[in-house]
Amino acid sequence: MAPALLDVANWSTCAVCAVMKVPQVAAVLAARSARGLSVGSLALELTGFLVFLKYQIYYGYPLQTYLEYPILIAQDVVLFLFILHFSGNMKQALLYTVTFVGGWYMLALHKWIMDLAMNLCTLISAASKFAQLRCLWQTKDSGQVSALTWALSAYTSASKLLAT
């Protein structure tokens, strides 16, 4: 692939990631409900993002290869808090915070832990999507699920495939 096209793919991915969760957050806030959204799915997605970010930092990859992950993590945390709030489960926020922060530090304890976690990232990501689809199937209601957020996610995945 031409270097100019790679640059476009990388920077467009970062730009899309900067706003990817905004439609989802807006839908939840507008409805004041998290109906149809899976806390488990978001927890898995956040886990995958954190593992990927930690791996990139641990092995000293250039910032442009993972710049979108801190942005996505911040948006996921905001969305996560809104989902917990509107689901009436805000008391669980502390437990999730301790789990994610503890996991972040545990990843770097041994190289094999980091490598194993990274190898599981694709499975974690797929499990996240299946958990959301399962939630939709069970509730029979797409509720506040944002099709635009899913479309933006599909774009960034495709652009990353092309770029790497």
C-alpha atoms as a PDB file:
ATOM      1  CA  MET A   1       0.000   0.000   0.000  1.00  0.00           C
ATOM      2  CA  ALA A   2       1.282   3.497  -0.858  1.00  0.00           C
ATOM      3  CA  PRO A   3       2.727   5.500   2.054  1.00  0.00           C
ATOM      4  CA  ALA A   4       0.310   8.403   1.431  1.00  0.00           C
ATOM      5  CA  LEU A   5      -2.659   6.035   1.613  1.00  0.00           C
ATOM      6  CA  LEU A   6      -1.301   4.563   4.851  1.00  0.00           C
ATOM      7  CA  ASP A   7      -1.077   8.034   6.350  1.00  0.00           C
ATOM      8  CA  VAL A   8      -4.669   8.762   5.337  1.00  0.00           C
ATOM      9  CA  ALA A   9      -5.809   5.456   6.862  1.00  0.00           C
ATOM     10  CA  ASN A  10      -3.930   6.122  10.114  1.00  0.00           C
ATOM     11  CA  TRP A  11      -5.058   9.712  10.566  1.00  0.00           C
ATOM     12  CA  SER A  12      -8.639   9.062   9.486  1.00  0.00           C
ATOM     13  CA  THR A  13      -8.782   6.219  12.005  1.00  0.00           C
ATOM     14  CA  CYS A  14      -7.614   8.559  14.768  1.00  0.00           C
ATOM     15  CA  ALA A  15     -10.134  11.199  13.698  1.00  0.00           C
ATOM     16  CA  VAL A  16     -13.005   8.701  13.648  1.00  0.00           C
ATOM     17  CA  CYS A  17     -11.916   7.254  17.009  1.00  0.00           C
ATOM     18  CA  ALA A  18     -12.015  10.742  18.505  1.00  0.00           C
ATOM     19  CA  VAL A  19     -15.792  10.801  18.019  1.00  0.00           C
ATOM     20  CA  MET A  20     -16.678   7.113  17.746  1.00  0.00           C
ATOM     21  CA  LYS A  21     -18.578   6.772  21.027  1.00  0.00           C
ATOM     22  CA  VAL A  22     -20.172  10.234  20.900  1.00  0.00           C
ATOM     23  CA  PRO A  23     -23.313   9.030  19.047  1.00  0.00           C
ATOM     24  CA  GLN A  24     -23.705   6.196  21.560  1.00  0.00           C
ATOM     25  CA  VAL A  25     -23.297   8.510  24.552  1.00  0.00           C
ATOM     26  CA  ALA A  26     -25.719  10.997  22.984  1.00  0.00           C
ATOM     27  CA  ALA A  27     -28.321   8.262  22.449  1.00  0.00           C
ATOM     28  CA  VAL A  28     -28.062   7.111  26.064  1.00  0.00           C
ATOM     29  CA  LEU A  29     -28.271  10.663  27.396  1.00  0.00           C
ATOM     30  CA  ALA A  30     -31.189  11.594  25.151  1.00  0.00           C
ATOM     31  CA  ALA A  31     -33.203   8.547  26.216  1.00  0.00           C
ATOM     32  CA  ARG A  32     -31.926   8.637  29.810  1.00  0.00           C
ATOM     33  CA  SER A  33     -31.800   4.870  29.475  1.00  0.00           C
ATOM     34  CA  ALA A  34     -29.247   2.173  28.702  1.00  0.00           C
ATOM     35  CA  ARG A  35     -31.854  -0.315  27.455  1.00  0.00           C
ATOM     36  CA  GLY A  36     -30.347  -2.730  24.965  1.00  0.00           C
ATOM     37  CA  LEU A  37     -26.751  -2.000  25.964  1.00  0.00           C
ATOM     38  CA  SER A  38     -24.628  -4.674  27.601  1.00  0.00           C
ATOM     39  CA  VAL A  39     -22.381  -3.777  30.530  1.00  0.00           C
ATOM     40  CA  GLY A  40     -20.518  -7.050  29.945  1.00  0.00           C
ATOM     41  CA  SER A  41     -19.901  -6.171  26.327  1.00  0.00           C
ATOM     42  CA  LEU A  42     -18.494  -2.789  27.222  1.00  0.00           C
ATOM     43  CA  ALA A  43     -16.340  -4.312  29.995  1.00  0.00           C
ATOM     44  CA  LEU A  44     -14.860  -6.776  27.499  1.00  0.00           C
ATOM     45  CA  GLU A  45     -14.268  -4.035  24.929  1.00  0.00           C
ATOM     46  CA  LEU A  46     -12.578  -1.859  27.530  1.00  0.00           C
ATOM     47  CA  THR A  47     -10.448  -4.826  28.621  1.00  0.00           C
ATOM     48  CA  GLY A  48      -9.303  -5.390  25.042  1.00  0.00           C
ATOM     49  CA  PHE A  49      -8.460  -1.716  24.570  1.00  0.00           C
ATOM     50  CA  LEU A  50      -6.504  -1.608  27.838  1.00  0.00           C
ATOM     51  CA  VAL A  51      -4.542  -4.762  26.992  1.00  0.00           C
ATOM     52  CA  PHE A  52      -3.695  -3.464  23.535  1.00  0.00           C
ATOM     53  CA  LEU A  53      -2.613  -0.075  24.885  1.00  0.00           C
ATOM     54  CA  LYS A  54      -0.492  -1.607  27.637  1.00  0.00           C
ATOM     55  CA  TYR A  55       1.151  -3.991  25.137  1.00  0.00           C
ATOM     56  CA  GLN A  56       2.047  -1.138  22.797  1.00  0.00           C
ATOM     57  CA  ILE A  57       3.515   0.908  25.650  1.00  0.00           C
ATOM     58  CA  TYR A  58       5.313  -2.102  27.176  1.00  0.00           C
ATOM     59  CA  TYR A  59       7.119  -2.914  23.928  1.00  0.00           C
ATOM     60  CA  GLY A  60       7.804   0.722  23.028  1.00  0.00           C
ATOM     61  CA  TYR A  61       5.803   0.977  19.813  1.00  0.00           C
ATOM     62  CA  PRO A  62       5.554   4.431  18.193  1.00  0.00           C
ATOM     63  CA  LEU A  63       2.665   6.542  19.479  1.00  0.00           C
ATOM     64  CA  GLN A  64       0.959   6.783  16.068  1.00  0.00           C
ATOM     65  CA  THR A  65       0.375   2.997  16.085  1.00  0.00           C
ATOM     66  CA  TYR A  66      -1.852   3.197  19.162  1.00  0.00           C
ATOM     67  CA  LEU A  67      -2.869   6.850  19.521  1.00  0.00           C
ATOM     68  CA  GLU A  68      -6.564   6.058  19.138  1.00  0.00           C
ATOM     69  CA  TYR A  69      -6.690   3.685  22.116  1.00  0.00           C
ATOM     70  CA  PRO A  70      -6.376   6.285  24.922  1.00  0.00           C
ATOM     71  CA  ILE A  71      -9.114   8.255  23.158  1.00  0.00           C
ATOM     72  CA  LEU A  72     -11.369   5.193  22.889  1.00  0.00           C
ATOM     73  CA  ILE A  73     -10.686   4.191  26.492  1.00  0.00           C
ATOM     74  CA  ALA A  74     -11.715   7.636  27.749  1.00  0.00           C
ATOM     75  CA  GLN A  75     -14.936   7.483  25.724  1.00  0.00           C
ATOM     76  CA  ASP A  76     -15.655   3.925  26.890  1.00  0.00           C
ATOM     77  CA  VAL A  77     -15.214   4.956  30.533  1.00  0.00           C
ATOM     78  CA  VAL A  78     -17.716   7.802  30.092  1.00  0.00           C
ATOM     79  CA  LEU A  79     -20.181   5.496  28.327  1.00  0.00           C
ATOM     80  CA  PHE A  80     -19.611   2.803  30.954  1.00  0.00           C
ATOM     81  CA  LEU A  81     -20.476   5.233  33.751  1.00  0.00           C
ATOM     82  CA  PHE A  82     -23.649   6.374  31.985  1.00  0.00           C
ATOM     83  CA  ILE A  83     -24.744   2.783  31.411  1.00  0.00           C
ATOM     84  CA  LEU A  84     -24.135   1.928  35.065  1.00  0.00           C
ATOM     85  CA  HIS A  85     -25.985   5.079  36.139  1.00  0.00           C
ATOM     86  CA  PHE A  86     -29.044   4.556  33.968  1.00  0.00           C
ATOM     87  CA  SER A  87     -29.139   0.840  34.775  1.00  0.00           C
ATOM     88  CA  GLY A  88     -29.151   1.608  38.493  1.00  0.00           C
ATOM     89  CA  ASN A  89     -25.833  -0.190  39.031  1.00  0.00           C
ATOM     90  CA  MET A  90     -23.601   2.753  39.874  1.00  0.00           C
ATOM     91  CA  LYS A  91     -22.405   0.958  43.020  1.00  0.00           C
ATOM     92  CA  GLN A  92     -20.497  -1.436  40.744  1.00  0.00           C
ATOM     93  CA  ALA A  93     -18.336   1.392  39.352  1.00  0.00           C
ATOM     94  CA  LEU A  94     -15.786   1.085  42.144  1.00  0.00           C
ATOM     95  CA  LEU A  95     -15.465  -2.679  41.627  1.00  0.00           C
ATOM     96  CA  TYR A  96     -14.915  -2.213  37.883  1.00  0.00           C
ATOM     97  CA  THR A  97     -12.388   0.570  38.524  1.00  0.00           C
ATOM     98  CA  VAL A  98     -10.359  -1.563  40.941  1.00  0.00           C
ATOM     99  CA  THR A  99     -10.493  -4.505  38.525  1.00  0.00           C
ATOM    100  CA  PHE A 100      -9.346  -2.486  35.508  1.00  0.00           C
ATOM    101  CA  VAL A 101      -6.596  -0.617  37.374  1.00  0.00           C
ATOM    102  CA  GLY A 102      -5.379  -3.837  39.010  1.00  0.00           C
ATOM    103  CA  GLY A 103      -5.407  -5.624  35.659  1.00  0.00           C
ATOM    104  CA  TRP A 104      -3.454  -2.773  34.063  1.00  0.00           C
ATOM    105  CA  TYR A 105      -0.624  -3.245  36.553  1.00  0.00           C
ATOM    106  CA  MET A 106      -0.754  -7.047  36.543  1.00  0.00           C
ATOM    107  CA  LEU A 107      -0.236  -7.158  32.772  1.00  0.00           C
ATOM    108  CA  ALA A 108       3.334  -5.919  33.107  1.00  0.00           C
ATOM    109  CA  LEU A 109       4.361  -8.253  35.934  1.00  0.00           C
ATOM    110  CA  HIS A 110       5.784 -10.827  33.508  1.00  0.00           C
ATOM    111  CA  LYS A 111       6.415 -10.786  29.781  1.00  0.00           C
ATOM    112  CA  TRP A 112       4.416 -13.998  29.311  1.00  0.00           C
ATOM    113  CA  ILE A 113       1.332 -12.408  30.931  1.00  0.00           C
ATOM    114  CA  MET A 114       1.545  -9.484  28.527  1.00  0.00           C
ATOM    115  CA  ASP A 115       2.026 -11.730  25.510  1.00  0.00           C
ATOM    116  CA  LEU A 116      -0.792 -14.076  26.515  1.00  0.00           C
ATOM    117  CA  ALA A 117      -3.182 -11.183  27.114  1.00  0.00           C
ATOM    118  CA  MET A 118      -2.328  -9.695  23.717  1.00  0.00           C
ATOM    119  CA  ASN A 119      -2.890 -13.048  22.022  1.00  0.00           C
ATOM    120  CA  LEU A 120      -6.335 -13.171  23.628  1.00  0.00           C
ATOM    121  CA  CYS A 121      -7.299  -9.675  22.432  1.00  0.00           C
ATOM    122  CA  THR A 122      -9.026 -10.861  19.244  1.00  0.00           C
ATOM    123  CA  LEU A 123     -11.065 -13.354  21.249  1.00  0.00           C
ATOM    124  CA  ILE A 124     -11.913 -10.662  23.821  1.00  0.00           C
ATOM    125  CA  SER A 125     -12.995  -8.277  21.078  1.00  0.00           C
ATOM    126  CA  ALA A 126     -15.175 -10.905  19.418  1.00  0.00           C
ATOM    127  CA  ALA A 127     -16.670 -11.877  22.789  1.00  0.00           C
ATOM    128  CA  SER A 128     -17.531  -8.229  23.347  1.00  0.00           C
ATOM    129  CA  LYS A 129     -19.517  -8.060  20.120  1.00  0.00           C
ATOM    130  CA  PHE A 130     -21.248 -11.372  20.837  1.00  0.00           C
ATOM    131  CA  ALA A 131     -22.173 -10.194  24.342  1.00  0.00           C
ATOM    132  CA  GLN A 132     -23.813  -7.090  22.862  1.00  0.00           C
ATOM    133  CA  LEU A 133     -25.652  -9.141  20.248  1.00  0.00           C
ATOM    134  CA  ARG A 134     -26.794 -11.561  22.971  1.00  0.00           C
ATOM    135  CA  CYS A 135     -28.120  -8.625  24.995  1.00  0.00           C
ATOM    136  CA  LEU A 136     -30.031  -7.381  21.961  1.00  0.00           C
ATOM    137  CA  TRP A 137     -31.436 -10.846  21.366  1.00  0.00           C
ATOM    138  CA  GLN A 138     -32.538 -11.240  24.985  1.00  0.00           C
ATOM    139  CA  THR A 139     -34.131  -7.810  25.318  1.00  0.00           C
ATOM    140  CA  LYS A 140     -35.649  -7.894  21.824  1.00  0.00           C
ATOM    141  CA  ASP A 141     -35.013  -4.164  21.821  1.00  0.00           C
ATOM    142  CA  SER A 142     -32.143  -2.270  20.254  1.00  0.00           C
ATOM    143  CA  GLY A 143     -32.904   0.458  22.767  1.00  0.00           C
ATOM    144  CA  GLN A 144     -30.157   3.020  22.702  1.00  0.00           C
ATOM    145  CA  VAL A 145     -27.685   1.085  20.536  1.00  0.00           C
ATOM    146  CA  SER A 146     -26.178   3.518  18.046  1.00  0.00           C
ATOM    147  CA  ALA A 147     -25.851   2.182  14.506  1.00  0.00           C
ATOM    148  CA  LEU A 148     -23.518   5.087  13.720  1.00  0.00           C
ATOM    149  CA  THR A 149     -21.117   4.038  16.490  1.00  0.00           C
ATOM    150  CA  TRP A 150     -21.077   0.478  15.124  1.00  0.00           C
ATOM    151  CA  ALA A 151     -20.510   1.792  11.572  1.00  0.00           C
ATOM    152  CA  LEU A 152     -17.616   3.975  12.753  1.00  0.00           C
ATOM    153  CA  SER A 153     -16.157   0.969  14.555  1.00  0.00           C
ATOM    154  CA  ALA A 154     -16.384  -1.113  11.392  1.00  0.00           C
ATOM    155  CA  TYR A 155     -14.598   1.649   9.465  1.00  0.00           C
ATOM    156  CA  THR A 156     -11.731   1.849  11.942  1.00  0.00           C
ATOM    157  CA  SER A 157     -11.350  -1.931  11.939  1.00  0.00           C
ATOM    158  CA  ALA A 158     -11.200  -2.023   8.149  1.00  0.00           C
ATOM    159  CA  SER A 159      -8.730   0.864   7.976  1.00  0.00           C
ATOM    160  CA  LYS A 160      -6.479  -0.809  10.565  1.00  0.00           C
ATOM    161  CA  LEU A 161      -6.512  -4.016   8.515  1.00  0.00           C
ATOM    162  CA  LEU A 162      -5.395  -2.066   5.467  1.00  0.00           C
ATOM    163  CA  ALA A 163      -2.764  -0.118   7.389  1.00  0.00           C
ATOM    164  CA  THR A 164      -1.205  -3.149   9.051  1.00  0.00           C
END
